[in-house]
Amino acid sequence: MTTVPKDAFRRFQEELAALDSKSEPPSSKTSSLTRLDHARADFLALRRRYGLTVADVIAFFPEEEGIAYLQQLIVANETRSSRTRKR
């Protein structure tokens, strides 16, 4: 397992804080699901940029969402490996 350098992690936290400060106040037009999806997409983009591990991602999300994320990874991996076996 590789670790993320402290300065990269600090920059990651600063970018998350900047995203939080940019977020618009809740309105009747914007559903909480849409805001959550937007936040998730922003986080996943940062995850790719900094090369975070699955453990970093799971620690960020609430426990239920971390489990759901792991299940998505497992399904994607099984789908990929079943396609490979068929060839």
C-alpha atoms as a PDB file:
ATOM      1  CA  MET A   1       0.000   0.000   0.000  1.00  0.00           C
ATOM      2  CA  THR A   2       1.377   3.394  -0.953  1.00  0.00           C
ATOM      3  CA  THR A   3       0.915   6.479   1.145  1.00  0.00           C
ATOM      4  CA  VAL A   4       0.039   9.921  -0.086  1.00  0.00           C
ATOM      5  CA  PRO A   5       2.666  12.586   0.717  1.00  0.00           C
ATOM      6  CA  LYS A   6       1.536  15.041   3.416  1.00  0.00           C
ATOM      7  CA  ASP A   7       1.672  18.074   1.120  1.00  0.00           C
ATOM      8  CA  ALA A   8      -0.459  16.310  -1.521  1.00  0.00           C
ATOM      9  CA  PHE A   9      -2.973  15.345   1.150  1.00  0.00           C
ATOM     10  CA  ARG A  10      -2.999  18.927   2.461  1.00  0.00           C
ATOM     11  CA  ARG A  11      -3.645  20.248  -1.074  1.00  0.00           C
ATOM     12  CA  PHE A  12      -6.407  17.677  -1.450  1.00  0.00           C
ATOM     13  CA  GLN A  13      -8.021  18.910   1.774  1.00  0.00           C
ATOM     14  CA  GLU A  14      -7.706  22.530   0.619  1.00  0.00           C
ATOM     15  CA  GLU A  15      -9.403  21.708  -2.670  1.00  0.00           C
ATOM     16  CA  LEU A  16     -12.214  19.924  -0.824  1.00  0.00           C
ATOM     17  CA  ALA A  17     -12.618  22.988   1.403  1.00  0.00           C
ATOM     18  CA  ALA A  18     -12.728  25.210  -1.687  1.00  0.00           C
ATOM     19  CA  LEU A  19     -15.436  22.999  -3.178  1.00  0.00           C
ATOM     20  CA  ASP A  20     -17.397  23.264   0.070  1.00  0.00           C
ATOM     21  CA  SER A  21     -17.136  27.061   0.067  1.00  0.00           C
ATOM     22  CA  LYS A  22     -18.303  27.212  -3.567  1.00  0.00           C
ATOM     23  CA  SER A  23     -21.346  25.074  -2.905  1.00  0.00           C
ATOM     24  CA  GLU A  24     -24.536  26.966  -3.270  1.00  0.00           C
ATOM     25  CA  PRO A  25     -26.966  27.302  -0.373  1.00  0.00           C
ATOM     26  CA  PRO A  26     -29.806  24.781  -0.461  1.00  0.00           C
ATOM     27  CA  SER A  27     -32.767  25.928  -2.500  1.00  0.00           C
ATOM     28  CA  SER A  28     -36.111  24.423  -3.278  1.00  0.00           C
ATOM     29  CA  LYS A  29     -35.025  23.905  -6.909  1.00  0.00           C
ATOM     30  CA  THR A  30     -31.875  21.914  -6.090  1.00  0.00           C
ATOM     31  CA  SER A  31     -32.603  18.563  -4.532  1.00  0.00           C
ATOM     32  CA  SER A  32     -30.245  17.131  -1.952  1.00  0.00           C
ATOM     33  CA  LEU A  33     -29.673  14.128  -4.211  1.00  0.00           C
ATOM     34  CA  THR A  34     -28.390  16.377  -6.998  1.00  0.00           C
ATOM     35  CA  ARG A  35     -26.029  18.193  -4.602  1.00  0.00           C
ATOM     36  CA  LEU A  36     -24.784  14.840  -3.295  1.00  0.00           C
ATOM     37  CA  ASP A  37     -24.185  13.559  -6.829  1.00  0.00           C
ATOM     38  CA  HIS A  38     -22.273  16.740  -7.688  1.00  0.00           C
ATOM     39  CA  ALA A  39     -20.166  16.460  -4.531  1.00  0.00           C
ATOM     40  CA  ARG A  40     -19.473  12.786  -5.233  1.00  0.00           C
ATOM     41  CA  ALA A  41     -18.367  13.574  -8.794  1.00  0.00           C
ATOM     42  CA  ASP A  42     -16.060  16.338  -7.530  1.00  0.00           C
ATOM     43  CA  PHE A  43     -14.568  14.020  -4.944  1.00  0.00           C
ATOM     44  CA  LEU A  44     -13.996  11.216  -7.428  1.00  0.00           C
ATOM     45  CA  ALA A  45     -12.236  13.650  -9.765  1.00  0.00           C
ATOM     46  CA  LEU A  46      -9.936  14.658  -6.903  1.00  0.00           C
ATOM     47  CA  ARG A  47      -9.420  10.969  -6.075  1.00  0.00           C
ATOM     48  CA  ARG A  48      -8.192  10.308  -9.591  1.00  0.00           C
ATOM     49  CA  ARG A  49      -5.983  13.412  -9.596  1.00  0.00           C
ATOM     50  CA  TYR A  50      -4.200  12.502  -6.354  1.00  0.00           C
ATOM     51  CA  GLY A  51      -4.191   8.746  -6.848  1.00  0.00           C
ATOM     52  CA  LEU A  52      -5.923   8.014  -3.572  1.00  0.00           C
ATOM     53  CA  THR A  53      -6.452   4.445  -2.463  1.00  0.00           C
ATOM     54  CA  VAL A  54      -9.753   2.681  -1.886  1.00  0.00           C
ATOM     55  CA  ALA A  55      -9.151   3.043   1.871  1.00  0.00           C
ATOM     56  CA  ASP A  56      -8.883   6.839   1.484  1.00  0.00           C
ATOM     57  CA  VAL A  57     -12.159   6.940  -0.407  1.00  0.00           C
ATOM     58  CA  ILE A  58     -13.977   4.695   2.037  1.00  0.00           C
ATOM     59  CA  ALA A  59     -12.798   6.790   4.977  1.00  0.00           C
ATOM     60  CA  PHE A  60     -14.252   9.893   3.280  1.00  0.00           C
ATOM     61  CA  PHE A  61     -17.780   8.562   2.779  1.00  0.00           C
ATOM     62  CA  PRO A  62     -20.229   7.492   5.488  1.00  0.00           C
ATOM     63  CA  GLU A  63     -20.024   3.759   6.237  1.00  0.00           C
ATOM     64  CA  GLU A  64     -23.059   2.775   4.125  1.00  0.00           C
ATOM     65  CA  GLU A  65     -21.767   4.642   1.083  1.00  0.00           C
ATOM     66  CA  GLY A  66     -18.291   3.186   1.563  1.00  0.00           C
ATOM     67  CA  ILE A  67     -19.782  -0.295   1.469  1.00  0.00           C
ATOM     68  CA  ALA A  68     -21.821   0.584  -1.623  1.00  0.00           C
ATOM     69  CA  TYR A  69     -18.659   1.923  -3.294  1.00  0.00           C
ATOM     70  CA  LEU A  70     -16.803  -1.318  -2.543  1.00  0.00           C
ATOM     71  CA  GLN A  71     -19.712  -3.323  -3.961  1.00  0.00           C
ATOM     72  CA  GLN A  72     -19.571  -1.245  -7.162  1.00  0.00           C
ATOM     73  CA  LEU A  73     -15.840  -1.948  -7.465  1.00  0.00           C
ATOM     74  CA  ILE A  74     -16.408  -5.673  -6.974  1.00  0.00           C
ATOM     75  CA  VAL A  75     -19.201  -5.803  -9.562  1.00  0.00           C
ATOM     76  CA  ALA A  76     -17.107  -3.816 -12.058  1.00  0.00           C
ATOM     77  CA  ASN A  77     -14.156  -6.134 -11.481  1.00  0.00           C
ATOM     78  CA  GLU A  78     -16.290  -9.265 -11.874  1.00  0.00           C
ATOM     79  CA  THR A  79     -17.853  -7.885 -15.045  1.00  0.00           C
ATOM     80  CA  ARG A  80     -14.417  -7.122 -16.455  1.00  0.00           C
ATOM     81  CA  SER A  81     -13.027 -10.543 -15.584  1.00  0.00           C
ATOM     82  CA  SER A  82     -16.038 -12.393 -16.991  1.00  0.00           C
ATOM     83  CA  ARG A  83     -15.620 -10.529 -20.291  1.00  0.00           C
ATOM     84  CA  THR A  84     -11.961 -11.477 -20.364  1.00  0.00           C
ATOM     85  CA  ARG A  85     -12.721 -15.142 -19.752  1.00  0.00           C
ATOM     86  CA  LYS A  86     -15.259 -15.275 -22.593  1.00  0.00           C
ATOM     87  CA  ARG A  87     -12.663 -14.186 -25.134  1.00  0.00           C
END
